[in-house]
N, C-alpha and C. Protein backbone atom coordinates (compact mmCIF):
# COMPACT_ATOMS: atom_id res chain seq x y z
N MET A 1 96.62 259.15 175.28
CA MET A 1 96.66 258.41 176.54
C MET A 1 96.08 259.30 177.64
N SER A 2 95.34 258.71 178.50
CA SER A 2 94.85 259.45 179.65
C SER A 2 95.28 258.72 180.91
N PHE A 3 95.33 259.45 181.97
CA PHE A 3 95.77 258.86 183.23
C PHE A 3 94.57 258.76 184.16
N ALA A 4 93.68 257.86 183.80
CA ALA A 4 92.45 257.66 184.56
C ALA A 4 92.77 257.07 185.94
N ALA A 5 91.75 256.97 186.75
CA ALA A 5 91.92 256.51 188.14
C ALA A 5 92.56 255.13 188.24
N ASP A 6 92.35 254.27 187.22
CA ASP A 6 92.92 252.92 187.29
C ASP A 6 94.22 252.77 186.49
N HIS A 7 94.72 253.86 185.91
CA HIS A 7 95.99 253.81 185.17
C HIS A 7 97.11 253.51 186.16
N PRO A 8 98.09 252.65 185.80
CA PRO A 8 99.16 252.30 186.73
C PRO A 8 99.93 253.51 187.29
N LEU A 9 100.11 254.55 186.50
CA LEU A 9 100.79 255.75 187.00
C LEU A 9 99.96 256.41 188.09
N THR A 10 98.68 256.53 187.86
CA THR A 10 97.79 257.14 188.85
C THR A 10 97.77 256.31 190.14
N VAL A 11 97.72 255.00 189.99
CA VAL A 11 97.68 254.11 191.16
C VAL A 11 98.93 254.31 192.01
N ARG A 12 100.08 254.41 191.37
CA ARG A 12 101.33 254.56 192.12
C ARG A 12 101.41 255.93 192.78
N VAL A 13 100.99 256.98 192.08
CA VAL A 13 100.99 258.33 192.66
C VAL A 13 100.01 258.39 193.83
N ARG A 14 98.88 257.73 193.69
CA ARG A 14 97.87 257.69 194.77
C ARG A 14 98.48 257.12 196.05
N GLN A 15 99.31 256.08 195.93
CA GLN A 15 99.95 255.49 197.11
C GLN A 15 100.74 256.54 197.88
N ILE A 16 101.40 257.42 197.17
CA ILE A 16 102.18 258.47 197.83
C ILE A 16 101.26 259.52 198.42
N CYS A 17 100.38 260.05 197.60
CA CYS A 17 99.58 261.23 197.98
C CYS A 17 98.57 260.96 199.08
N MET A 18 97.93 259.81 199.04
CA MET A 18 96.86 259.56 200.00
C MET A 18 97.37 259.23 201.40
N ALA A 19 98.68 259.13 201.56
CA ALA A 19 99.25 258.91 202.88
C ALA A 19 99.31 260.20 203.70
N TYR A 20 99.04 261.33 203.07
CA TYR A 20 99.10 262.62 203.76
C TYR A 20 97.81 262.93 204.50
N PRO A 21 97.92 263.63 205.63
CA PRO A 21 96.73 263.97 206.41
C PRO A 21 95.69 264.74 205.58
N GLU A 22 94.46 264.27 205.63
CA GLU A 22 93.33 264.90 204.98
C GLU A 22 93.49 265.02 203.46
N ALA A 23 94.32 264.18 202.87
CA ALA A 23 94.48 264.21 201.41
C ALA A 23 93.20 263.72 200.75
N ALA A 24 92.91 264.29 199.60
CA ALA A 24 91.72 263.89 198.84
C ALA A 24 92.09 263.80 197.36
N GLU A 25 91.48 262.85 196.70
CA GLU A 25 91.66 262.69 195.26
C GLU A 25 90.42 263.24 194.57
N VAL A 26 90.65 264.10 193.58
CA VAL A 26 89.56 264.72 192.85
C VAL A 26 89.89 264.68 191.37
N VAL A 27 88.94 264.24 190.55
CA VAL A 27 89.12 264.30 189.10
C VAL A 27 88.71 265.69 188.64
N ALA A 28 89.64 266.38 187.99
CA ALA A 28 89.38 267.73 187.50
C ALA A 28 89.94 267.84 186.09
N HIS A 29 89.11 268.28 185.18
CA HIS A 29 89.52 268.44 183.77
C HIS A 29 90.08 267.14 183.21
N GLY A 30 89.51 266.02 183.62
CA GLY A 30 89.90 264.72 183.11
C GLY A 30 91.17 264.14 183.70
N ARG A 31 91.72 264.77 184.72
CA ARG A 31 92.93 264.27 185.35
C ARG A 31 92.71 264.06 186.84
N CYS A 32 93.43 263.10 187.39
CA CYS A 32 93.39 262.89 188.84
C CYS A 32 94.28 263.92 189.50
N THR A 33 93.71 264.62 190.46
CA THR A 33 94.46 265.59 191.23
C THR A 33 94.41 265.17 192.69
N PHE A 34 95.41 265.59 193.44
CA PHE A 34 95.46 265.27 194.86
C PHE A 34 95.55 266.58 195.61
N ARG A 35 94.75 266.69 196.67
CA ARG A 35 94.57 267.95 197.36
C ARG A 35 94.75 267.80 198.86
N ALA A 36 95.22 268.89 199.44
CA ALA A 36 95.25 269.07 200.89
C ALA A 36 94.16 270.10 201.16
N GLY A 37 93.03 269.65 201.65
CA GLY A 37 91.89 270.54 201.73
C GLY A 37 91.41 270.84 200.32
N LYS A 38 91.30 272.12 199.98
CA LYS A 38 90.84 272.51 198.65
C LYS A 38 91.98 272.76 197.68
N ARG A 39 93.21 272.79 198.18
CA ARG A 39 94.34 273.17 197.33
C ARG A 39 95.08 271.95 196.79
N GLN A 40 95.34 271.97 195.50
CA GLN A 40 96.04 270.87 194.83
C GLN A 40 97.52 270.85 195.21
N PHE A 41 98.06 269.64 195.37
CA PHE A 41 99.50 269.52 195.57
C PHE A 41 100.15 268.56 194.59
N ALA A 42 99.37 267.81 193.84
CA ALA A 42 99.93 266.92 192.81
C ALA A 42 98.86 266.65 191.76
N LEU A 43 99.31 266.54 190.50
CA LEU A 43 98.43 266.22 189.38
C LEU A 43 99.11 265.14 188.55
N VAL A 44 98.35 264.16 188.13
CA VAL A 44 98.89 263.10 187.28
C VAL A 44 98.73 263.52 185.83
N GLY A 45 99.85 263.47 185.10
CA GLY A 45 99.87 263.92 183.72
C GLY A 45 100.33 265.36 183.64
N ALA A 46 100.70 265.77 182.44
CA ALA A 46 101.15 267.15 182.23
C ALA A 46 100.29 267.75 181.13
N GLY A 47 99.40 268.61 181.49
CA GLY A 47 98.46 269.14 180.51
C GLY A 47 97.53 268.03 180.09
N HIS A 48 97.20 268.01 178.83
CA HIS A 48 96.30 266.97 178.32
C HIS A 48 96.97 266.19 177.21
N ASP A 49 98.27 265.93 177.38
CA ASP A 49 99.00 265.19 176.37
C ASP A 49 99.37 263.81 176.89
N ASP A 50 100.24 263.13 176.19
CA ASP A 50 100.60 261.75 176.53
C ASP A 50 101.82 261.64 177.43
N VAL A 51 102.24 262.73 178.02
CA VAL A 51 103.45 262.71 178.83
C VAL A 51 103.18 262.02 180.16
N GLY A 52 103.94 260.97 180.45
CA GLY A 52 103.88 260.32 181.75
C GLY A 52 104.64 261.20 182.72
N ALA A 53 103.92 261.98 183.49
CA ALA A 53 104.55 262.94 184.39
C ALA A 53 103.61 263.23 185.55
N VAL A 54 104.20 263.77 186.60
CA VAL A 54 103.44 264.21 187.76
C VAL A 54 103.83 265.65 188.03
N GLU A 55 102.82 266.49 188.16
CA GLU A 55 103.05 267.91 188.44
C GLU A 55 103.06 268.15 189.94
N PHE A 56 103.86 269.13 190.36
CA PHE A 56 104.04 269.45 191.77
C PHE A 56 104.42 270.92 191.91
N ILE A 57 104.33 271.43 193.13
CA ILE A 57 104.74 272.80 193.43
C ILE A 57 106.11 272.72 194.11
N PRO A 58 107.16 273.22 193.46
CA PRO A 58 108.49 273.12 194.05
C PRO A 58 108.74 274.20 195.10
N ASP A 59 109.70 273.95 195.94
CA ASP A 59 110.21 274.98 196.83
C ASP A 59 110.94 276.00 195.96
N ASP A 60 110.72 277.27 196.19
CA ASP A 60 111.35 278.30 195.37
C ASP A 60 112.87 278.19 195.35
N SER A 61 113.46 277.79 196.46
CA SER A 61 114.93 277.71 196.54
C SER A 61 115.48 276.53 195.73
N GLU A 62 114.65 275.57 195.34
CA GLU A 62 115.10 274.41 194.59
C GLU A 62 114.72 274.46 193.11
N ARG A 63 113.91 275.41 192.73
CA ARG A 63 113.34 275.48 191.38
C ARG A 63 114.41 275.46 190.29
N LEU A 64 115.40 276.33 190.36
CA LEU A 64 116.41 276.41 189.30
C LEU A 64 117.22 275.12 189.20
N ALA A 65 117.58 274.55 190.34
CA ALA A 65 118.33 273.29 190.31
C ALA A 65 117.49 272.17 189.71
N LEU A 66 116.21 272.14 190.03
CA LEU A 66 115.34 271.11 189.46
C LEU A 66 115.24 271.25 187.94
N LEU A 67 115.16 272.49 187.46
CA LEU A 67 115.03 272.70 186.02
C LEU A 67 116.28 272.32 185.23
N GLU A 68 117.40 272.10 185.91
CA GLU A 68 118.61 271.63 185.24
C GLU A 68 118.54 270.14 184.92
N ARG A 69 117.64 269.44 185.54
CA ARG A 69 117.48 268.01 185.31
C ARG A 69 116.76 267.76 183.99
N ASP A 70 117.13 266.68 183.31
CA ASP A 70 116.49 266.33 182.04
C ASP A 70 115.06 265.82 182.21
N ASP A 71 114.74 265.31 183.40
CA ASP A 71 113.41 264.73 183.61
C ASP A 71 112.41 265.70 184.25
N ILE A 72 112.80 266.96 184.42
CA ILE A 72 111.92 267.98 185.00
C ILE A 72 111.64 269.03 183.93
N PHE A 73 110.39 269.48 183.84
CA PHE A 73 110.03 270.50 182.87
C PHE A 73 108.90 271.36 183.40
N ILE A 74 108.69 272.48 182.72
CA ILE A 74 107.59 273.37 183.05
C ILE A 74 106.36 272.89 182.27
N PRO A 75 105.33 272.46 182.95
CA PRO A 75 104.16 271.92 182.26
C PRO A 75 103.27 273.04 181.69
N PRO A 76 102.50 272.71 180.66
CA PRO A 76 101.53 273.69 180.17
C PRO A 76 100.48 273.96 181.25
N TYR A 77 99.82 275.07 181.16
CA TYR A 77 98.77 275.49 182.09
C TYR A 77 99.33 275.81 183.48
N GLU A 78 99.56 274.82 184.31
CA GLU A 78 99.98 275.06 185.69
C GLU A 78 101.38 275.66 185.79
N GLY A 79 102.21 275.48 184.77
CA GLY A 79 103.56 276.03 184.77
C GLY A 79 103.57 277.54 184.94
N ALA A 80 102.56 278.20 184.44
CA ALA A 80 102.46 279.66 184.58
C ALA A 80 102.26 280.08 186.04
N TYR A 81 101.87 279.14 186.88
CA TYR A 81 101.63 279.42 188.30
C TYR A 81 102.73 278.84 189.19
N GLY A 82 103.85 278.48 188.59
CA GLY A 82 104.99 278.00 189.36
C GLY A 82 105.14 276.50 189.47
N TRP A 83 104.21 275.73 188.91
CA TRP A 83 104.29 274.28 188.99
C TRP A 83 105.40 273.76 188.08
N LEU A 84 105.96 272.62 188.44
CA LEU A 84 106.89 271.87 187.58
C LEU A 84 106.35 270.45 187.45
N ALA A 85 106.96 269.68 186.55
CA ALA A 85 106.55 268.28 186.37
C ALA A 85 107.78 267.40 186.25
N LEU A 86 107.68 266.21 186.80
CA LEU A 86 108.73 265.20 186.72
C LEU A 86 108.22 264.08 185.81
N ARG A 87 109.02 263.75 184.78
CA ARG A 87 108.66 262.64 183.90
C ARG A 87 108.87 261.32 184.64
N VAL A 88 107.82 260.56 184.75
CA VAL A 88 107.88 259.22 185.35
C VAL A 88 106.82 258.36 184.68
N GLU A 89 107.05 257.08 184.73
CA GLU A 89 106.05 256.10 184.33
C GLU A 89 105.84 255.20 185.54
N ALA A 90 104.84 254.40 185.50
CA ALA A 90 104.54 253.54 186.65
C ALA A 90 105.71 252.63 187.01
N ASP A 91 106.50 252.23 186.01
CA ASP A 91 107.59 251.29 186.27
C ASP A 91 108.98 251.90 186.07
N THR A 92 109.07 253.17 185.72
CA THR A 92 110.37 253.82 185.54
C THR A 92 110.32 255.25 186.07
N GLY A 93 111.48 255.78 186.32
CA GLY A 93 111.57 257.16 186.79
C GLY A 93 112.11 257.21 188.20
N ASP A 94 112.39 258.40 188.66
CA ASP A 94 112.97 258.61 189.98
C ASP A 94 111.85 258.77 191.00
N TRP A 95 111.35 257.65 191.48
CA TRP A 95 110.21 257.67 192.40
C TRP A 95 110.58 258.16 193.79
N SER A 96 111.82 257.99 194.21
CA SER A 96 112.25 258.55 195.50
C SER A 96 112.24 260.07 195.43
N LEU A 97 112.75 260.61 194.32
CA LEU A 97 112.71 262.06 194.13
C LEU A 97 111.26 262.53 194.09
N LEU A 98 110.41 261.83 193.37
CA LEU A 98 109.02 262.24 193.28
C LEU A 98 108.37 262.28 194.66
N ALA A 99 108.64 261.32 195.49
CA ALA A 99 108.07 261.31 196.85
C ALA A 99 108.52 262.55 197.61
N GLU A 100 109.78 262.93 197.47
CA GLU A 100 110.28 264.14 198.13
C GLU A 100 109.60 265.39 197.58
N LEU A 101 109.44 265.45 196.26
CA LEU A 101 108.82 266.61 195.63
C LEU A 101 107.35 266.74 196.03
N ILE A 102 106.66 265.62 196.12
CA ILE A 102 105.27 265.64 196.55
C ILE A 102 105.17 266.09 198.01
N ASP A 103 106.12 265.65 198.84
CA ASP A 103 106.13 266.09 200.23
C ASP A 103 106.28 267.61 200.31
N THR A 104 107.22 268.15 199.55
CA THR A 104 107.41 269.60 199.51
C THR A 104 106.16 270.30 199.02
N SER A 105 105.56 269.77 197.97
CA SER A 105 104.37 270.36 197.39
C SER A 105 103.22 270.37 198.40
N TYR A 106 103.03 269.25 199.08
CA TYR A 106 101.98 269.17 200.10
C TYR A 106 102.20 270.24 201.17
N ARG A 107 103.43 270.34 201.62
CA ARG A 107 103.76 271.30 202.68
C ARG A 107 103.53 272.75 202.24
N GLN A 108 103.60 273.00 200.94
CA GLN A 108 103.38 274.37 200.43
C GLN A 108 101.91 274.78 200.56
N VAL A 109 100.99 273.84 200.49
CA VAL A 109 99.57 274.18 200.46
C VAL A 109 98.77 273.73 201.68
N ALA A 110 99.34 272.87 202.49
CA ALA A 110 98.60 272.30 203.63
C ALA A 110 98.30 273.35 204.70
N LEU A 111 97.21 273.12 205.39
CA LEU A 111 96.85 273.94 206.53
C LEU A 111 97.75 273.59 207.72
N GLN A 112 97.82 274.47 208.69
CA GLN A 112 98.67 274.24 209.86
C GLN A 112 98.32 272.95 210.59
N ARG A 113 97.03 272.65 210.73
CA ARG A 113 96.65 271.41 211.43
C ARG A 113 97.11 270.18 210.64
N GLN A 114 97.09 270.26 209.31
CA GLN A 114 97.55 269.14 208.49
C GLN A 114 99.06 268.96 208.64
N LEU A 115 99.79 270.07 208.69
CA LEU A 115 101.24 269.99 208.88
C LEU A 115 101.59 269.43 210.25
N ARG A 116 100.85 269.85 211.26
CA ARG A 116 101.10 269.29 212.61
C ARG A 116 100.86 267.79 212.61
N ALA A 117 99.76 267.36 212.00
CA ALA A 117 99.46 265.92 211.94
C ALA A 117 100.55 265.17 211.19
N LEU A 118 101.04 265.75 210.10
CA LEU A 118 102.10 265.12 209.32
C LEU A 118 103.38 265.01 210.14
N ASP A 119 103.76 266.09 210.78
CA ASP A 119 104.99 266.09 211.56
C ASP A 119 104.91 265.15 212.77
N GLU A 120 103.74 265.00 213.34
CA GLU A 120 103.56 264.08 214.47
C GLU A 120 103.61 262.62 214.04
N SER A 121 103.19 262.35 212.81
CA SER A 121 103.12 260.96 212.34
C SER A 121 104.40 260.48 211.65
N GLY A 122 105.31 261.39 211.33
CA GLY A 122 106.54 261.02 210.64
C GLY A 122 106.33 261.05 209.14
N PRO A 123 107.31 260.55 208.36
CA PRO A 123 107.21 260.60 206.91
C PRO A 123 105.96 259.90 206.40
N ALA A 124 105.34 260.50 205.40
CA ALA A 124 104.10 259.93 204.85
C ALA A 124 104.36 258.63 204.11
N VAL A 125 105.41 258.58 203.31
CA VAL A 125 105.69 257.41 202.47
C VAL A 125 107.18 257.18 202.46
N SER A 126 107.59 255.93 202.54
CA SER A 126 109.00 255.60 202.38
C SER A 126 109.11 254.27 201.65
N GLY A 127 110.30 253.99 201.13
CA GLY A 127 110.53 252.71 200.46
C GLY A 127 109.74 252.53 199.19
N LEU A 128 109.75 253.54 198.33
CA LEU A 128 108.96 253.45 197.09
C LEU A 128 109.64 252.69 195.97
N ASP A 129 110.93 252.51 196.04
CA ASP A 129 111.64 251.88 194.91
C ASP A 129 111.50 250.39 194.88
């Protein structure tokens, strides 16, 4: 299974990610990635397998607590750089949590002007369930 641009999981993740200031979608290594400037903050899929998951950069203070959850895991490749992944499908999973995790991930990599724009505009996405 691949998570191409028209896959329902990618479409739903795009709704969250593209609401952020200067967000861009880029296909890299066969996966849709979402970036703040040049830096990635979310990836659809985990590695190149069939796992319905979204990768994100967690806040260091929340990492251990997140890893206690059954639906969070260390993904191949990006996991070595601190990324985690949340198992979700387009119609199942904790989408409210994912929106929060994507927000944290975006804030980890965004430029100061992007953060100012985000803070001035309020929450990027709400009411995902």
